[in-house]
PDB file of N, CA and C in Angstrom:
ATOM      1  N   MET A   1      54.699  68.445   9.148  1.00  0.00           N
ATOM      2  CA  MET A   1      55.538  67.634  10.007  1.00  0.00           C
ATOM      3  C   MET A   1      55.555  68.194  11.430  1.00  0.00           C
ATOM      4  N   ASN A   2      55.636  69.492  11.548  1.00  0.00           N
ATOM      5  CA  ASN A   2      55.651  70.140  12.856  1.00  0.00           C
ATOM      6  C   ASN A   2      54.369  69.855  13.635  1.00  0.00           C
ATOM      7  N   ARG A   3      53.208  69.907  12.963  1.00  0.00           N
ATOM      8  CA  ARG A   3      51.928  69.639  13.620  1.00  0.00           C
ATOM      9  C   ARG A   3      51.856  68.215  14.128  1.00  0.00           C
ATOM     10  N   ILE A   4      52.352  67.284  13.349  1.00  0.00           N
ATOM     11  CA  ILE A   4      52.331  65.876  13.756  1.00  0.00           C
ATOM     12  C   ILE A   4      53.190  65.693  15.000  1.00  0.00           C
ATOM     13  N   PHE A   5      54.366  66.299  15.015  1.00  0.00           N
ATOM     14  CA  PHE A   5      55.258  66.188  16.164  1.00  0.00           C
ATOM     15  C   PHE A   5      54.626  66.808  17.409  1.00  0.00           C
ATOM     16  N   ILE A   6      54.038  67.985  17.255  1.00  0.00           N
ATOM     17  CA  ILE A   6      53.403  68.663  18.393  1.00  0.00           C
ATOM     18  C   ILE A   6      52.215  67.839  18.888  1.00  0.00           C
ATOM     19  N   SER A   7      51.410  67.296  17.993  1.00  0.00           N
ATOM     20  CA  SER A   7      50.290  66.454  18.390  1.00  0.00           C
ATOM     21  C   SER A   7      50.776  65.223  19.143  1.00  0.00           C
ATOM     22  N   PHE A   8      51.833  64.611  18.629  1.00  0.00           N
ATOM     23  CA  PHE A   8      52.412  63.435  19.282  1.00  0.00           C
ATOM     24  C   PHE A   8      52.919  63.803  20.678  1.00  0.00           C
ATOM     25  N   LEU A   9      53.629  64.907  20.785  1.00  0.00           N
ATOM     26  CA  LEU A   9      54.176  65.359  22.062  1.00  0.00           C
ATOM     27  C   LEU A   9      53.049  65.641  23.065  1.00  0.00           C
ATOM     28  N   LEU A  10      52.003  66.298  22.628  1.00  0.00           N
ATOM     29  CA  LEU A  10      50.875  66.579  23.519  1.00  0.00           C
ATOM     30  C   LEU A  10      50.194  65.288  23.972  1.00  0.00           C
ATOM     31  N   ALA A  11      50.061  64.333  23.069  1.00  0.00           N
ATOM     32  CA  ALA A  11      49.454  63.047  23.421  1.00  0.00           C
ATOM     33  C   ALA A  11      50.296  62.326  24.467  1.00  0.00           C
ATOM     34  N   VAL A  12      51.605  62.332  24.302  1.00  0.00           N
ATOM     35  CA  VAL A  12      52.504  61.684  25.266  1.00  0.00           C
ATOM     36  C   VAL A  12      52.407  62.379  26.622  1.00  0.00           C
ATOM     37  N   LEU A  13      52.431  63.698  26.620  1.00  0.00           N
ATOM     38  CA  LEU A  13      52.334  64.439  27.877  1.00  0.00           C
ATOM     39  C   LEU A  13      50.998  64.179  28.570  1.00  0.00           C
ATOM     40  N   PHE A  14      49.916  64.173  27.820  1.00  0.00           N
ATOM     41  CA  PHE A  14      48.597  63.906  28.388  1.00  0.00           C
ATOM     42  C   PHE A  14      48.543  62.504  28.992  1.00  0.00           C
ATOM     43  N   PHE A  15      49.044  61.512  28.259  1.00  0.00           N
ATOM     44  CA  PHE A  15      49.030  60.140  28.747  1.00  0.00           C
ATOM     45  C   PHE A  15      49.875  60.009  30.007  1.00  0.00           C
ATOM     46  N   SER A  16      51.048  60.618  30.028  1.00  0.00           N
ATOM     47  CA  SER A  16      51.937  60.539  31.199  1.00  0.00           C
ATOM     48  C   SER A  16      51.300  61.192  32.413  1.00  0.00           C
ATOM     49  N   ALA A  17      50.733  62.362  32.227  1.00  0.00           N
ATOM     50  CA  ALA A  17      50.101  63.063  33.347  1.00  0.00           C
ATOM     51  C   ALA A  17      48.891  62.292  33.839  1.00  0.00           C
ATOM     52  N   ASN A  18      48.117  61.739  32.934  1.00  0.00           N
ATOM     53  CA  ASN A  18      46.929  60.993  33.309  1.00  0.00           C
ATOM     54  C   ASN A  18      47.302  59.714  34.057  1.00  0.00           C
ATOM     55  N   THR A  19      48.345  59.044  33.629  1.00  0.00           N
ATOM     56  CA  THR A  19      48.798  57.824  34.299  1.00  0.00           C
ATOM     57  C   THR A  19      49.304  58.142  35.700  1.00  0.00           C
ATOM     58  N   ALA A  20      50.089  59.182  35.850  1.00  0.00           N
ATOM     59  CA  ALA A  20      50.607  59.562  37.169  1.00  0.00           C
ATOM     60  C   ALA A  20      49.461  59.929  38.098  1.00  0.00           C
ATOM     61  N   PHE A  21      48.477  60.668  37.588  1.00  0.00           N
ATOM     62  CA  PHE A  21      47.333  61.055  38.407  1.00  0.00           C
ATOM     63  C   PHE A  21      46.529  59.825  38.813  1.00  0.00           C
ATOM     64  N   SER A  22      46.338  58.884  37.910  1.00  0.00           N
ATOM     65  CA  SER A  22      45.577  57.672  38.209  1.00  0.00           C
ATOM     66  C   SER A  22      46.248  56.847  39.290  1.00  0.00           C
ATOM     67  N   GLN A  23      47.574  56.785  39.285  1.00  0.00           N
ATOM     68  CA  GLN A  23      48.285  55.996  40.283  1.00  0.00           C
ATOM     69  C   GLN A  23      48.082  56.583  41.675  1.00  0.00           C
ATOM     70  N   ASP A  24      48.019  57.893  41.786  1.00  0.00           N
ATOM     71  CA  ASP A  24      47.808  58.525  43.081  1.00  0.00           C
ATOM     72  C   ASP A  24      46.408  58.271  43.610  1.00  0.00           C
ATOM     73  N   LYS A  25      45.471  57.992  42.738  1.00  0.00           N
ATOM     74  CA  LYS A  25      44.091  57.805  43.155  1.00  0.00           C
ATOM     75  C   LYS A  25      43.815  56.392  43.656  1.00  0.00           C
ATOM     76  N   LYS A  26      44.715  55.441  43.426  1.00  0.00           N
ATOM     77  CA  LYS A  26      44.485  54.076  43.871  1.00  0.00           C
ATOM     78  C   LYS A  26      44.498  54.032  45.390  1.00  0.00           C
ATOM     79  N   THR A  27      43.444  53.492  45.942  1.00  0.00           N
ATOM     80  CA  THR A  27      43.328  53.424  47.400  1.00  0.00           C
ATOM     81  C   THR A  27      43.087  51.984  47.834  1.00  0.00           C
ATOM     82  N   ILE A  28      43.361  51.757  49.092  1.00  0.00           N
ATOM     83  CA  ILE A  28      43.069  50.479  49.731  1.00  0.00           C
ATOM     84  C   ILE A  28      42.193  50.780  50.938  1.00  0.00           C
ATOM     85  N   THR A  29      41.156  49.987  51.107  1.00  0.00           N
ATOM     86  CA  THR A  29      40.321  50.085  52.297  1.00  0.00           C
ATOM     87  C   THR A  29      40.472  48.785  53.064  1.00  0.00           C
ATOM     88  N   THR A  30      40.772  48.910  54.334  1.00  0.00           N
ATOM     89  CA  THR A  30      40.944  47.740  55.188  1.00  0.00           C
ATOM     90  C   THR A  30      40.425  48.072  56.579  1.00  0.00           C
ATOM     91  N   SER A  31      40.304  47.062  57.406  1.00  0.00           N
ATOM     92  CA  SER A  31      39.928  47.302  58.797  1.00  0.00           C
ATOM     93  C   SER A  31      40.707  46.338  59.678  1.00  0.00           C
ATOM     94  N   PHE A  32      40.951  46.769  60.904  1.00  0.00           N
ATOM     95  CA  PHE A  32      41.686  45.955  61.868  1.00  0.00           C
ATOM     96  C   PHE A  32      41.359  46.428  63.273  1.00  0.00           C
ATOM     97  N   TRP A  33      41.684  45.572  64.242  1.00  0.00           N
ATOM     98  CA  TRP A  33      41.417  45.840  65.640  1.00  0.00           C
ATOM     99  C   TRP A  33      42.357  46.917  66.173  1.00  0.00           C
ATOM    100  N   VAL A  34      41.781  47.850  66.945  1.00  0.00           N
ATOM    101  CA  VAL A  34      42.548  48.871  67.667  1.00  0.00           C
ATOM    102  C   VAL A  34      41.932  48.981  69.056  1.00  0.00           C
ATOM    103  N   GLY A  35      42.766  48.939  70.087  1.00  0.00           N
ATOM    104  CA  GLY A  35      42.270  49.048  71.452  1.00  0.00           C
ATOM    105  C   GLY A  35      41.727  50.425  71.754  1.00  0.00           C
ATOM    106  N   GLY A  36      40.537  50.460  72.339  1.00  0.00           N
ATOM    107  CA  GLY A  36      39.905  51.714  72.714  1.00  0.00           C
ATOM    108  C   GLY A  36      38.620  51.431  73.474  1.00  0.00           C
ATOM    109  N   VAL A  37      38.198  52.369  74.328  1.00  0.00           N
ATOM    110  CA  VAL A  37      37.013  52.122  75.159  1.00  0.00           C
ATOM    111  C   VAL A  37      35.977  53.240  75.175  1.00  0.00           C
ATOM    112  N   CYS A  38      36.313  54.406  74.656  1.00  0.00           N
ATOM    113  CA  CYS A  38      35.373  55.512  74.801  1.00  0.00           C
ATOM    114  C   CYS A  38      35.457  56.483  73.619  1.00  0.00           C
ATOM    115  N   GLU A  39      34.617  57.491  73.686  1.00  0.00           N
ATOM    116  CA  GLU A  39      34.587  58.499  72.621  1.00  0.00           C
ATOM    117  C   GLU A  39      35.909  59.271  72.539  1.00  0.00           C
ATOM    118  N   MET A  40      36.584  59.464  73.677  1.00  0.00           N
ATOM    119  CA  MET A  40      37.899  60.128  73.633  1.00  0.00           C
ATOM    120  C   MET A  40      38.895  59.262  72.881  1.00  0.00           C
ATOM    121  N   CYS A  41      38.831  57.945  73.083  1.00  0.00           N
ATOM    122  CA  CYS A  41      39.695  57.017  72.343  1.00  0.00           C
ATOM    123  C   CYS A  41      39.390  57.116  70.851  1.00  0.00           C
ATOM    124  N   LYS A  42      38.111  57.093  70.506  1.00  0.00           N
ATOM    125  CA  LYS A  42      37.695  57.183  69.104  1.00  0.00           C
ATOM    126  C   LYS A  42      38.282  58.433  68.458  1.00  0.00           C
ATOM    127  N   ALA A  43      38.142  59.560  69.130  1.00  0.00           N
ATOM    128  CA  ALA A  43      38.657  60.822  68.589  1.00  0.00           C
ATOM    129  C   ALA A  43      40.179  60.771  68.447  1.00  0.00           C
ATOM    130  N   ARG A  44      40.869  60.231  69.443  1.00  0.00           N
ATOM    131  CA  ARG A  44      42.333  60.152  69.415  1.00  0.00           C
ATOM    132  C   ARG A  44      42.810  59.239  68.283  1.00  0.00           C
ATOM    133  N   ILE A  45      42.148  58.105  68.114  1.00  0.00           N
ATOM    134  CA  ILE A  45      42.508  57.142  67.070  1.00  0.00           C
ATOM    135  C   ILE A  45      42.323  57.773  65.690  1.00  0.00           C
ATOM    136  N   GLU A  46      41.180  58.379  65.468  1.00  0.00           N
ATOM    137  CA  GLU A  46      40.915  58.988  64.165  1.00  0.00           C
ATOM    138  C   GLU A  46      41.839  60.172  63.901  1.00  0.00           C
ATOM    139  N   ARG A  47      42.166  60.930  64.940  1.00  0.00           N
ATOM    140  CA  ARG A  47      43.079  62.066  64.795  1.00  0.00           C
ATOM    141  C   ARG A  47      44.501  61.588  64.491  1.00  0.00           C
ATOM    142  N   ALA A  48      44.889  60.457  65.069  1.00  0.00           N
ATOM    143  CA  ALA A  48      46.247  59.932  64.869  1.00  0.00           C
ATOM    144  C   ALA A  48      46.517  59.577  63.415  1.00  0.00           C
ATOM    145  N   VAL A  49      45.483  59.167  62.701  1.00  0.00           N
ATOM    146  CA  VAL A  49      45.671  58.774  61.304  1.00  0.00           C
ATOM    147  C   VAL A  49      45.140  59.830  60.326  1.00  0.00           C
ATOM    148  N   ASP A  50      44.904  61.023  60.825  1.00  0.00           N
ATOM    149  CA  ASP A  50      44.490  62.136  59.968  1.00  0.00           C
ATOM    150  C   ASP A  50      45.757  62.763  59.388  1.00  0.00           C
ATOM    151  N   VAL A  51      46.360  62.053  58.445  1.00  0.00           N
ATOM    152  CA  VAL A  51      47.640  62.449  57.853  1.00  0.00           C
ATOM    153  C   VAL A  51      47.559  62.319  56.337  1.00  0.00           C
ATOM    154  N   LYS A  52      48.573  62.867  55.679  1.00  0.00           N
ATOM    155  CA  LYS A  52      48.656  62.781  54.221  1.00  0.00           C
ATOM    156  C   LYS A  52      48.653  61.312  53.796  1.00  0.00           C
ATOM    157  N   GLY A  53      47.817  61.006  52.841  1.00  0.00           N
ATOM    158  CA  GLY A  53      47.731  59.643  52.333  1.00  0.00           C
ATOM    159  C   GLY A  53      46.540  58.872  52.867  1.00  0.00           C
ATOM    160  N   VAL A  54      45.956  59.327  53.955  1.00  0.00           N
ATOM    161  CA  VAL A  54      44.766  58.668  54.501  1.00  0.00           C
ATOM    162  C   VAL A  54      43.551  59.446  54.018  1.00  0.00           C
ATOM    163  N   ARG A  55      42.690  58.755  53.305  1.00  0.00           N
ATOM    164  CA  ARG A  55      41.503  59.396  52.738  1.00  0.00           C
ATOM    165  C   ARG A  55      40.335  59.402  53.714  1.00  0.00           C
ATOM    166  N   ASN A  56      40.188  58.315  54.497  1.00  0.00           N
ATOM    167  CA  ASN A  56      39.060  58.213  55.419  1.00  0.00           C
ATOM    168  C   ASN A  56      39.418  57.242  56.531  1.00  0.00           C
ATOM    169  N   ALA A  57      38.981  57.554  57.734  1.00  0.00           N
ATOM    170  CA  ALA A  57      39.190  56.658  58.874  1.00  0.00           C
ATOM    171  C   ALA A  57      37.984  56.763  59.787  1.00  0.00           C
ATOM    172  N   ASN A  58      37.460  55.607  60.164  1.00  0.00           N
ATOM    173  CA  ASN A  58      36.312  55.579  61.060  1.00  0.00           C
ATOM    174  C   ASN A  58      36.509  54.455  62.074  1.00  0.00           C
ATOM    175  N   TYR A  59      36.571  54.831  63.342  1.00  0.00           N
ATOM    176  CA  TYR A  59      36.742  53.860  64.410  1.00  0.00           C
ATOM    177  C   TYR A  59      35.380  53.434  64.926  1.00  0.00           C
ATOM    178  N   ASP A  60      35.125  52.125  64.923  1.00  0.00           N
ATOM    179  CA  ASP A  60      33.885  51.554  65.438  1.00  0.00           C
ATOM    180  C   ASP A  60      34.138  51.144  66.884  1.00  0.00           C
ATOM    181  N   LEU A  61      33.623  51.929  67.795  1.00  0.00           N
ATOM    182  CA  LEU A  61      33.865  51.733  69.221  1.00  0.00           C
ATOM    183  C   LEU A  61      33.277  50.425  69.737  1.00  0.00           C
ATOM    184  N   GLU A  62      32.148  50.038  69.223  1.00  0.00           N
ATOM    185  CA  GLU A  62      31.502  48.799  69.682  1.00  0.00           C
ATOM    186  C   GLU A  62      32.329  47.555  69.333  1.00  0.00           C
ATOM    187  N   HIS A  63      32.904  47.539  68.138  1.00  0.00           N
ATOM    188  CA  HIS A  63      33.664  46.371  67.682  1.00  0.00           C
ATOM    189  C   HIS A  63      35.179  46.560  67.772  1.00  0.00           C
ATOM    190  N   HIS A  64      35.597  47.751  68.188  1.00  0.00           N
ATOM    191  CA  HIS A  64      37.027  48.076  68.343  1.00  0.00           C
ATOM    192  C   HIS A  64      37.793  47.879  67.045  1.00  0.00           C
ATOM    193  N   THR A  65      37.182  48.310  65.944  1.00  0.00           N
ATOM    194  CA  THR A  65      37.839  48.188  64.647  1.00  0.00           C
ATOM    195  C   THR A  65      37.940  49.551  63.968  1.00  0.00           C
ATOM    196  N   LEU A  66      39.048  49.731  63.296  1.00  0.00           N
ATOM    197  CA  LEU A  66      39.266  50.940  62.507  1.00  0.00           C
ATOM    198  C   LEU A  66      39.138  50.567  61.048  1.00  0.00           C
ATOM    199  N   GLU A  67      38.215  51.198  60.357  1.00  0.00           N
ATOM    200  CA  GLU A  67      38.138  51.055  58.902  1.00  0.00           C
ATOM    201  C   GLU A  67      38.843  52.254  58.314  1.00  0.00           C
ATOM    202  N   ILE A  68      39.804  51.988  57.451  1.00  0.00           N
ATOM    203  CA  ILE A  68      40.642  53.053  56.940  1.00  0.00           C
ATOM    204  C   ILE A  68      40.845  52.894  55.442  1.00  0.00           C
ATOM    205  N   THR A  69      40.768  54.004  54.738  1.00  0.00           N
ATOM    206  CA  THR A  69      41.048  54.052  53.306  1.00  0.00           C
ATOM    207  C   THR A  69      42.276  54.927  53.131  1.00  0.00           C
ATOM    208  N   TYR A  70      43.279  54.372  52.458  1.00  0.00           N
ATOM    209  CA  TYR A  70      44.539  55.103  52.307  1.00  0.00           C
ATOM    210  C   TYR A  70      45.134  54.879  50.929  1.00  0.00           C
ATOM    211  N   VAL A  71      46.081  55.742  50.572  1.00  0.00           N
ATOM    212  CA  VAL A  71      46.788  55.669  49.301  1.00  0.00           C
ATOM    213  C   VAL A  71      48.158  55.055  49.587  1.00  0.00           C
ATOM    214  N   PRO A  72      48.385  53.812  49.179  1.00  0.00           N
ATOM    215  CA  PRO A  72      49.642  53.141  49.532  1.00  0.00           C
ATOM    216  C   PRO A  72      50.895  53.793  48.948  1.00  0.00           C
ATOM    217  N   SER A  73      50.755  54.589  47.904  1.00  0.00           N
ATOM    218  CA  SER A  73      51.926  55.292  47.378  1.00  0.00           C
ATOM    219  C   SER A  73      52.297  56.489  48.262  1.00  0.00           C
ATOM    220  N   LYS A  74      51.406  56.863  49.182  1.00  0.00           N
ATOM    221  CA  LYS A  74      51.645  58.002  50.084  1.00  0.00           C
ATOM    222  C   LYS A  74      51.962  57.573  51.515  1.00  0.00           C
ATOM    223  N   ILE A  75      51.370  56.448  51.956  1.00  0.00           N
ATOM    224  CA  ILE A  75      51.580  55.980  53.329  1.00  0.00           C
ATOM    225  C   ILE A  75      51.403  54.459  53.361  1.00  0.00           C
ATOM    226  N   SER A  76      52.202  53.801  54.161  1.00  0.00           N
ATOM    227  CA  SER A  76      52.112  52.342  54.268  1.00  0.00           C
ATOM    228  C   SER A  76      51.215  51.949  55.437  1.00  0.00           C
ATOM    229  N   ILE A  77      50.710  50.731  55.377  1.00  0.00           N
ATOM    230  CA  ILE A  77      49.890  50.222  56.475  1.00  0.00           C
ATOM    231  C   ILE A  77      50.741  50.108  57.742  1.00  0.00           C
ATOM    232  N   GLU A  78      52.011  49.801  57.583  1.00  0.00           N
ATOM    233  CA  GLU A  78      52.914  49.727  58.745  1.00  0.00           C
ATOM    234  C   GLU A  78      53.020  51.086  59.435  1.00  0.00           C
ATOM    235  N   LYS A  79      53.122  52.155  58.648  1.00  0.00           N
ATOM    236  CA  LYS A  79      53.200  53.507  59.210  1.00  0.00           C
ATOM    237  C   LYS A  79      51.896  53.862  59.933  1.00  0.00           C
ATOM    238  N   ILE A  80      50.774  53.410  59.420  1.00  0.00           N
ATOM    239  CA  ILE A  80      49.485  53.665  60.068  1.00  0.00           C
ATOM    240  C   ILE A  80      49.464  53.011  61.447  1.00  0.00           C
ATOM    241  N   HIS A  81      49.943  51.772  61.534  1.00  0.00           N
ATOM    242  CA  HIS A  81      50.003  51.098  62.836  1.00  0.00           C
ATOM    243  C   HIS A  81      50.940  51.843  63.788  1.00  0.00           C
ATOM    244  N   VAL A  82      52.067  52.329  63.286  1.00  0.00           N
ATOM    245  CA  VAL A  82      53.011  53.090  64.113  1.00  0.00           C
ATOM    246  C   VAL A  82      52.353  54.366  64.647  1.00  0.00           C
ATOM    247  N   LEU A  83      51.623  55.069  63.798  1.00  0.00           N
ATOM    248  CA  LEU A  83      50.936  56.292  64.237  1.00  0.00           C
ATOM    249  C   LEU A  83      49.951  56.004  65.362  1.00  0.00           C
ATOM    250  N   LEU A  84      49.236  54.905  65.249  1.00  0.00           N
ATOM    251  CA  LEU A  84      48.288  54.525  66.298  1.00  0.00           C
ATOM    252  C   LEU A  84      49.020  54.153  67.587  1.00  0.00           C
ATOM    253  N   ASN A  85      50.125  53.430  67.469  1.00  0.00           N
ATOM    254  CA  ASN A  85      50.927  53.075  68.644  1.00  0.00           C
ATOM    255  C   ASN A  85      51.483  54.322  69.315  1.00  0.00           C
ATOM    256  N   GLU A  86      51.930  55.294  68.518  1.00  0.00           N
ATOM    257  CA  GLU A  86      52.458  56.544  69.082  1.00  0.00           C
ATOM    258  C   GLU A  86      51.374  57.330  69.817  1.00  0.00           C
ATOM    259  N   ALA A  87      50.128  57.123  69.429  1.00  0.00           N
ATOM    260  CA  ALA A  87      49.010  57.793  70.104  1.00  0.00           C
ATOM    261  C   ALA A  87      48.571  57.045  71.358  1.00  0.00           C
ATOM    262  N   GLY A  88      49.202  55.890  71.637  1.00  0.00           N
ATOM    263  CA  GLY A  88      48.892  55.142  72.849  1.00  0.00           C
ATOM    264  C   GLY A  88      47.955  53.964  72.656  1.00  0.00           C
ATOM    265  N   HIS A  89      47.751  53.557  71.406  1.00  0.00           N
ATOM    266  CA  HIS A  89      46.791  52.480  71.134  1.00  0.00           C
ATOM    267  C   HIS A  89      47.463  51.262  70.511  1.00  0.00           C
ATOM    268  N   ASP A  90      47.126  50.094  71.059  1.00  0.00           N
ATOM    269  CA  ASP A  90      47.575  48.827  70.490  1.00  0.00           C
ATOM    270  C   ASP A  90      46.730  48.523  69.263  1.00  0.00           C
ATOM    271  N   THR A  91      47.320  47.781  68.326  1.00  0.00           N
ATOM    272  CA  THR A  91      46.572  47.331  67.154  1.00  0.00           C
ATOM    273  C   THR A  91      46.702  45.814  67.053  1.00  0.00           C
ATOM    274  N   SER A  92      46.065  45.242  66.076  1.00  0.00           N
ATOM    275  CA  SER A  92      46.112  43.794  65.886  1.00  0.00           C
ATOM    276  C   SER A  92      47.507  43.298  65.512  1.00  0.00           C
ATOM    277  N   VAL A  93      48.394  44.192  65.094  1.00  0.00           N
ATOM    278  CA  VAL A  93      49.739  43.751  64.694  1.00  0.00           C
ATOM    279  C   VAL A  93      50.873  44.373  65.498  1.00  0.00           C
ATOM    280  N   SER A  94      50.590  45.391  66.282  1.00  0.00           N
ATOM    281  CA  SER A  94      51.666  46.030  67.050  1.00  0.00           C
ATOM    282  C   SER A  94      51.128  46.647  68.333  1.00  0.00           C
ATOM    283  N   LYS A  95      52.028  46.806  69.277  1.00  0.00           N
ATOM    284  CA  LYS A  95      51.647  47.285  70.602  1.00  0.00           C
ATOM    285  C   LYS A  95      52.308  48.637  70.882  1.00  0.00           C
ATOM    286  N   SER A  96      51.560  49.515  71.493  1.00  0.00           N
ATOM    287  CA  SER A  96      52.087  50.800  71.937  1.00  0.00           C
ATOM    288  C   SER A  96      53.062  50.569  73.080  1.00  0.00           C
ATOM    289  N   THR A  97      54.014  51.468  73.245  1.00  0.00           N
ATOM    290  CA  THR A  97      54.902  51.352  74.397  1.00  0.00           C
ATOM    291  C   THR A  97      54.098  51.611  75.669  1.00  0.00           C
ATOM    292  N   ASP A  98      54.572  51.075  76.775  1.00  0.00           N
ATOM    293  CA  ASP A  98      53.898  51.319  78.053  1.00  0.00           C
ATOM    294  C   ASP A  98      53.884  52.808  78.362  1.00  0.00           C
ATOM    295  N   GLU A  99      54.943  53.510  78.011  1.00  0.00           N
ATOM    296  CA  GLU A  99      55.026  54.951  78.255  1.00  0.00           C
ATOM    297  C   GLU A  99      53.927  55.707  77.494  1.00  0.00           C
ATOM    298  N   LYS A 100      53.741  55.377  76.227  1.00  0.00           N
ATOM    299  CA  LYS A 100      52.691  56.031  75.433  1.00  0.00           C
ATOM    300  C   LYS A 100      51.304  55.649  75.956  1.00  0.00           C
ATOM    301  N   TYR A 101      51.122  54.376  76.271  1.00  0.00           N
ATOM    302  CA  TYR A 101      49.838  53.899  76.803  1.00  0.00           C
ATOM    303  C   TYR A 101      49.515  54.610  78.116  1.00  0.00           C
ATOM    304  N   ASP A 102      50.489  54.714  79.010  1.00  0.00           N
ATOM    305  CA  ASP A 102      50.274  55.355  80.302  1.00  0.00           C
ATOM    306  C   ASP A 102      49.994  56.854  80.174  1.00  0.00           C
ATOM    307  N   SER A 103      50.389  57.455  79.040  1.00  0.00           N
ATOM    308  CA  SER A 103      50.190  58.896  78.860  1.00  0.00           C
ATOM    309  C   SER A 103      48.756  59.259  78.465  1.00  0.00           C
ATOM    310  N   ILE A 104      47.963  58.282  78.025  1.00  0.00           N
ATOM    311  CA  ILE A 104      46.566  58.599  77.714  1.00  0.00           C
ATOM    312  C   ILE A 104      45.765  58.627  79.017  1.00  0.00           C
ATOM    313  N   ASN A 105      44.617  59.261  78.998  1.00  0.00           N
ATOM    314  CA  ASN A 105      43.785  59.379  80.204  1.00  0.00           C
ATOM    315  C   ASN A 105      43.542  58.005  80.814  1.00  0.00           C
ATOM    316  N   SER A 106      43.555  57.930  82.130  1.00  0.00           N
ATOM    317  CA  SER A 106      43.378  56.635  82.800  1.00  0.00           C
ATOM    318  C   SER A 106      42.025  56.006  82.480  1.00  0.00           C
ATOM    319  N   CYS A 107      41.013  56.831  82.214  1.00  0.00           N
ATOM    320  CA  CYS A 107      39.706  56.269  81.852  1.00  0.00           C
ATOM    321  C   CYS A 107      39.738  55.616  80.468  1.00  0.00           C
ATOM    322  N   CYS A 108      40.795  55.873  79.710  1.00  0.00           N
ATOM    323  CA  CYS A 108      40.934  55.312  78.361  1.00  0.00           C
ATOM    324  C   CYS A 108      41.760  54.021  78.351  1.00  0.00           C
ATOM    325  N   HIS A 109      42.218  53.586  79.511  1.00  0.00           N
ATOM    326  CA  HIS A 109      43.042  52.374  79.559  1.00  0.00           C
ATOM    327  C   HIS A 109      42.194  51.153  79.222  1.00  0.00           C
ATOM    328  N   TYR A 110      42.521  50.550  78.115  1.00  0.00           N
ATOM    329  CA  TYR A 110      41.736  49.463  77.531  1.00  0.00           C
ATOM    330  C   TYR A 110      42.393  48.102  77.690  1.00  0.00           C
ATOM    331  N   ARG A 111      43.651  48.031  78.045  1.00  0.00           N
ATOM    332  CA  ARG A 111      44.368  46.751  78.038  1.00  0.00           C
ATOM    333  C   ARG A 111      43.740  45.729  78.991  1.00  0.00           C
ATOM    334  N   GLU A 112      43.265  46.167  80.125  1.00  0.00           N
ATOM    335  CA  GLU A 112      42.642  45.255  81.070  1.00  0.00           C
ATOM    336  C   GLU A 112      41.371  44.639  80.491  1.00  0.00           C
ATOM    337  N   LEU A 113      40.707  45.369  79.618  1.00  0.00           N
ATOM    338  CA  LEU A 113      39.468  44.895  79.019  1.00  0.00           C
ATOM    339  C   LEU A 113      39.702  44.028  77.791  1.00  0.00           C
ATOM    340  N   HIS A 114      40.865  44.177  77.158  1.00  0.00           N
ATOM    341  CA  HIS A 114      41.147  43.492  75.893  1.00  0.00           C
ATOM    342  C   HIS A 114      42.395  42.625  76.027  1.00  0.00           C
ATOM    343  N   GLU A 115      42.480  41.845  77.039  1.00  0.00           N
ATOM    344  CA  GLU A 115      43.671  41.021  77.286  1.00  0.00           C
ATOM    345  C   GLU A 115      43.987  40.076  76.141  1.00  0.00           C
ATOM    346  N   ASN A 116      43.005  39.638  75.359  1.00  0.00           N
ATOM    347  CA  ASN A 116      43.244  38.655  74.310  1.00  0.00           C
ATOM    348  C   ASN A 116      43.839  39.246  73.043  1.00  0.00           C
ATOM    349  N   HIS A 117      44.039  40.561  72.981  1.00  0.00           N
ATOM    350  CA  HIS A 117      44.635  41.163  71.789  1.00  0.00           C
ATOM    351  C   HIS A 117      46.003  41.579  72.146  1.00  0.00           C
TER     352      HIS A 117
END
């Protein structure tokens, strides 16, 4: 009887741990527009989202899009947009404050070039 109980308990613990681990591994990959004009912008954008919960981020300077893979149980897409705005970059859903935008290098000012976003 003791062996059966211990086997059952180990099976439950294994299943619970495996399920919790699997949930953390679920990721979402998406892409969206982020304002930027140069390699310094690319580095700043990618650095801004180099946080817990983001598995990969790659900014495409030619198309002004960020492809990002993240774990939604660790970070939300809304928080990712906020991080980019705090770094001085507008996104397809939110705008950086003028103060944050003005704090980036003047050669990185992209708003004049991307008026339609």
